Amino acid sequence: MGEEEENPNQIYITTDVVEEILVRLPLK
């Protein structure tokens, strides 16, 4: 069950990174 909890955590981190990139691109 430990692996299942880590999977969603990685997805959330990826979403945060994607949002930051999208926000920085238009700023430039």
Protein backbone atom coordinates (compact mmCIF):
# COMPACT_ATOMS: atom_id res chain seq x y z
CA MET A 1 0.00 0.00 0.00
CA GLY A 2 3.01 2.29 0.55
CA GLU A 3 3.66 2.39 -3.21
CA GLU A 4 0.08 3.47 -3.92
CA GLU A 5 0.50 6.49 -1.65
CA GLU A 6 3.76 7.51 -3.36
CA ASN A 7 2.26 7.37 -6.88
CA PRO A 8 -0.34 10.15 -6.33
CA ASN A 9 2.27 12.24 -4.53
CA GLN A 10 4.52 12.22 -7.62
CA ILE A 11 1.57 13.20 -9.85
CA TYR A 12 0.78 16.20 -7.64
CA ILE A 13 4.42 17.37 -7.76
CA THR A 14 4.40 17.08 -11.57
CA THR A 15 1.23 19.19 -11.77
CA ASP A 16 2.85 21.90 -9.64
CA VAL A 17 5.93 21.95 -11.90
CA VAL A 18 3.77 22.16 -15.05
CA GLU A 19 1.77 25.06 -13.59
CA GLU A 20 4.97 26.93 -12.68
CA ILE A 21 6.35 26.50 -16.23
CA LEU A 22 3.07 27.67 -17.80
CA VAL A 23 3.02 30.73 -15.51
CA ARG A 24 6.68 31.60 -16.21
CA LEU A 25 6.37 31.23 -20.00
CA PRO A 26 3.66 33.94 -20.43
CA LEU A 27 5.52 36.19 -17.96
CA LYS A 28 8.52 36.23 -20.31
